[in-house]
């Protein structure tokens, strides 16, 4: 069937039309929180989540950095949460919602 045989009003894609835009990849997200420090300024803690990549964890202005697979991150979360919970009640400053940013 050719374009002149189609019923009137049927949309026809011209061969020279631009390809449709590909859906934009979800941007990476950053989760940040500053931990108070007794002797100096607070210490930044950042986790970067990039689609289809390992998580990136940085503590203290990037001096301590680590890449983790999602499974490693879950294992760390579980071990760390149990270990930290054994030290006592959580401090008030930790009771905040951490909103992701794109930069």
Protein backbone atom coordinates (compact mmCIF):
# COMPACT_ATOMS: atom_id res chain seq x y z
CA UNK A 1 0.00 0.00 0.00
CA UNK A 2 1.40 3.42 -0.92
CA UNK A 3 0.78 6.81 0.70
CA UNK A 4 -1.84 7.69 -2.03
CA UNK A 5 -3.81 4.52 -1.19
CA UNK A 6 -4.15 5.30 2.54
CA UNK A 7 -7.47 6.61 3.82
CA UNK A 8 -7.60 10.40 4.00
CA UNK A 9 -6.35 11.81 7.32
CA UNK A 10 -4.04 8.86 8.06
CA UNK A 11 -0.76 10.23 9.46
CA UNK A 12 2.19 9.41 7.25
CA UNK A 13 5.79 9.70 8.38
CA UNK A 14 7.83 11.39 5.73
CA UNK A 15 11.15 9.67 4.99
CA UNK A 16 13.06 12.89 5.69
CA UNK A 17 11.47 13.50 9.12
CA UNK A 18 13.74 13.66 12.16
CA UNK A 19 14.01 10.58 14.29
CA UNK A 20 11.99 10.84 17.52
CA UNK A 21 13.93 12.09 20.52
CA UNK A 22 15.25 9.36 22.75
CA UNK A 23 14.02 9.58 26.32
CA UNK A 24 16.59 11.45 28.39
CA UNK A 25 18.57 9.25 30.74
CA UNK A 26 17.78 9.88 34.37
CA UNK A 27 20.45 12.20 35.73
CA UNK A 28 22.67 11.09 38.54
CA UNK A 29 21.55 12.02 42.04
CA UNK A 30 23.56 13.13 45.06
CA UNK A 31 22.53 12.52 48.66
CA UNK A 32 24.41 14.74 51.13
CA UNK A 33 24.53 15.22 54.85
CA UNK A 34 27.07 16.97 57.07
CA UNK A 35 28.18 15.19 60.23
CA UNK A 36 29.13 17.47 63.15
CA UNK A 37 32.75 17.22 64.28
CA UNK A 38 33.93 18.04 67.80
CA UNK A 39 37.29 19.64 66.96
CA UNK A 40 36.73 21.16 63.50
CA UNK A 41 34.05 22.00 60.93
CA UNK A 42 31.40 19.47 60.01
CA UNK A 43 32.31 16.56 57.75
CA UNK A 44 30.46 16.17 54.44
CA UNK A 45 29.12 12.73 53.52
CA UNK A 46 27.95 12.24 49.93
CA UNK A 47 26.52 9.30 48.03
CA UNK A 48 26.24 9.60 44.25
CA UNK A 49 23.77 7.39 42.39
CA UNK A 50 24.29 7.12 38.63
CA UNK A 51 21.90 4.96 36.57
CA UNK A 52 23.51 1.66 35.58
CA UNK A 53 26.70 2.34 37.59
CA UNK A 54 28.14 1.62 41.02
CA UNK A 55 27.28 3.92 43.91
CA UNK A 56 30.00 6.36 44.89
CA UNK A 57 30.51 7.22 48.57
CA UNK A 58 32.69 10.14 49.70
CA UNK A 59 33.36 11.10 53.32
CA UNK A 60 35.21 14.26 54.31
CA UNK A 61 35.57 16.38 51.16
CA UNK A 62 36.41 13.34 49.05
CA UNK A 63 39.46 12.24 51.04
CA UNK A 64 37.83 8.89 51.73
CA UNK A 65 36.08 7.51 48.66
CA UNK A 66 34.64 4.17 47.67
CA UNK A 67 32.64 2.67 44.81
CA UNK A 68 30.04 0.08 45.80
CA UNK A 69 27.77 -2.16 43.76
CA UNK A 70 24.13 -1.91 44.85
CA UNK A 71 24.45 -5.30 46.60
CA UNK A 72 27.59 -4.17 48.44
CA UNK A 73 25.79 -0.95 49.43
CA UNK A 74 22.87 -2.94 50.85
CA UNK A 75 25.26 -5.19 52.81
CA UNK A 76 27.12 -2.14 54.13
CA UNK A 77 23.81 -0.47 55.06
CA UNK A 78 22.73 -3.54 57.03
CA UNK A 79 26.05 -4.02 58.88
CA UNK A 80 26.52 -0.31 59.53
CA UNK A 81 22.96 0.20 60.78
CA UNK A 82 23.33 -2.66 63.28
CA UNK A 83 26.77 -1.50 64.40
CA UNK A 84 25.75 2.14 64.84
CA UNK A 85 22.49 1.18 66.58
CA UNK A 86 24.56 -0.71 69.17
CA UNK A 87 26.25 2.57 70.19
CA UNK A 88 23.07 4.12 71.59
CA UNK A 89 20.27 6.45 70.59
CA UNK A 90 20.63 8.40 67.33
CA UNK A 91 21.47 12.11 67.72
CA UNK A 92 18.88 14.75 66.88
CA UNK A 93 20.82 16.13 63.90
CA UNK A 94 20.40 12.82 62.06
CA UNK A 95 16.59 12.99 62.14
CA UNK A 96 16.28 14.84 58.83
CA UNK A 97 15.00 13.92 55.39
CA UNK A 98 17.81 13.81 52.83
CA UNK A 99 16.55 15.15 49.51
CA UNK A 100 18.52 14.17 46.39
CA UNK A 101 20.03 16.88 44.20
CA UNK A 102 21.29 16.65 40.64
CA UNK A 103 24.57 18.50 41.34
